[in-house]
Protein backbone atom coordinates (compact mmCIF):
# COMPACT_ATOMS: atom_id res chain seq x y z
CA MET A 1 -66.15 40.97 110.29
CA SER A 2 -66.58 42.30 113.78
CA THR A 3 -64.14 44.71 115.36
CA VAL A 4 -63.25 44.65 119.04
CA GLY A 5 -61.20 47.34 120.78
CA PHE A 6 -60.19 50.81 119.68
CA GLY A 7 -57.34 52.59 117.95
CA ALA A 8 -54.11 50.64 117.64
CA PHE A 9 -55.52 47.78 119.70
CA GLU A 10 -58.35 46.92 117.36
CA HIS A 11 -58.81 43.23 116.74
CA THR A 12 -60.90 41.96 113.87
CA THR A 13 -62.53 38.56 114.31
CA PRO A 14 -63.05 36.63 111.06
CA MET A 15 -66.70 35.94 110.25
CA PHE A 16 -66.29 32.17 110.31
CA LEU A 17 -65.26 32.25 113.99
CA THR A 18 -68.37 34.06 115.22
CA GLY A 19 -70.54 30.93 114.96
CA ASP A 20 -73.33 32.36 112.82
CA ILE A 21 -72.15 30.76 109.59
CA VAL A 22 -71.43 27.44 111.30
CA THR A 23 -74.96 27.35 112.69
CA ASP A 24 -76.38 28.15 109.25
CA VAL A 25 -74.33 25.38 107.66
CA PHE A 26 -75.53 22.82 110.23
CA ILE A 27 -79.16 23.82 109.81
CA GLY A 28 -78.82 23.90 106.01
CA ALA A 29 -77.30 20.42 106.03
CA ALA A 30 -80.17 19.20 108.23
CA ALA A 31 -82.65 20.64 105.72
CA LEU A 32 -80.85 18.83 102.89
CA PHE A 33 -81.04 15.55 104.80
CA MET A 34 -84.77 16.17 105.33
CA LEU A 35 -85.22 16.41 101.56
CA LEU A 36 -83.30 13.18 101.13
CA ALA A 37 -85.51 11.56 103.78
CA ILE A 38 -88.62 12.53 101.81
CA ALA A 39 -87.17 10.85 98.72
CA MET A 40 -86.34 7.75 100.76
CA PHE A 41 -89.85 7.70 102.22
CA TYR A 42 -91.15 7.35 98.68
CA ARG A 43 -88.89 4.31 98.22
CA ALA A 44 -90.14 2.83 101.52
CA VAL A 45 -93.77 3.09 100.36
CA LYS A 46 -93.36 2.22 96.68
CA GLY A 47 -90.41 -0.19 96.91
CA PRO A 48 -90.98 -3.07 94.51
CA THR A 49 -89.39 -5.63 96.84
CA THR A 50 -89.13 -6.24 100.56
CA GLN A 51 -85.40 -5.58 100.42
CA ASP A 52 -86.01 -2.08 99.06
CA ARG A 53 -88.49 -1.33 101.82
CA VAL A 54 -86.25 -2.62 104.61
CA LEU A 55 -83.26 -0.67 103.32
CA ALA A 56 -85.35 2.49 102.89
CA VAL A 57 -86.67 2.28 106.46
CA ASN A 58 -83.13 1.74 107.75
CA VAL A 59 -81.87 4.74 105.77
CA LEU A 60 -84.78 6.83 107.09
CA GLY A 61 -83.74 5.97 110.63
CA THR A 62 -80.13 6.85 109.92
CA ASN A 63 -81.20 10.14 108.29
CA THR A 64 -83.24 10.95 111.38
CA VAL A 65 -80.18 10.39 113.58
CA VAL A 66 -78.05 12.63 111.34
CA ILE A 67 -80.73 15.36 111.29
CA LEU A 68 -81.05 15.29 115.09
CA ALA A 69 -77.27 15.43 115.50
CA LEU A 70 -76.90 18.34 113.06
CA LEU A 71 -79.70 20.28 114.73
CA GLY A 72 -78.23 19.56 118.16
CA ALA A 73 -74.82 20.85 117.08
CA GLY A 74 -76.21 23.80 115.14
CA LEU A 75 -78.64 24.99 117.79
CA GLY A 76 -76.39 24.20 120.73
CA GLU A 77 -78.86 21.74 122.27
CA PRO A 78 -76.96 18.77 123.74
CA SER A 79 -80.24 17.03 124.55
CA LEU A 80 -80.84 16.49 120.82
CA LEU A 81 -77.56 14.58 120.64
CA ASP A 82 -78.75 12.30 123.44
CA ILE A 83 -82.01 11.70 121.59
CA ALA A 84 -80.05 10.96 118.39
CA LEU A 85 -77.95 8.37 120.23
CA VAL A 86 -81.01 6.59 121.65
CA TYR A 87 -82.71 6.70 118.25
CA ALA A 88 -79.60 5.18 116.62
CA LEU A 89 -79.75 2.26 119.05
CA LEU A 90 -83.46 1.78 118.39
CA ASN A 91 -82.83 1.93 114.64
CA PHE A 92 -80.23 -0.83 114.94
CA LEU A 93 -82.56 -3.02 116.99
CA MET A 94 -85.35 -2.44 114.48
CA ALA A 95 -83.12 -3.50 111.59
CA VAL A 96 -82.13 -6.69 113.41
CA ALA A 97 -85.75 -7.47 114.31
CA ILE A 98 -87.00 -6.95 110.74
CA SER A 99 -84.20 -9.11 109.36
CA LYS A 100 -84.93 -11.90 111.84
CA PHE A 101 -88.67 -11.74 111.16
CA THR A 102 -88.13 -11.87 107.40
CA VAL A 103 -85.78 -14.87 107.62
CA GLU A 104 -88.10 -16.76 110.01
CA ARG A 105 -91.06 -16.12 107.74
CA GLY A 106 -89.31 -18.01 104.97
CA GLY A 107 -87.97 -15.21 102.88
CA VAL A 108 -84.39 -14.21 102.62
CA LEU A 109 -84.40 -10.45 102.88
């Protein structure tokens, strides 16, 4: 709690409104998503089927977008949100391209 003012006019600001905890939560959530991305990277490399690998790569791209968005919000960097948006569009195009390539090659995802 932080106190502003003096005497009868003191005003106490709750800790959750100062922004420090919110930033920590965003950065902690980004770290958790990084751990999940490492687990998904294992599935992308060791996936027994093509479907597992395609899904894992798509989830890795989505995790990257979420991590960039959380870091952008937590650190107050709007440029990271722009990068996350562009990366989300590229991730979508990559998923469509892989699906089309797999179908044209004769396999059905």
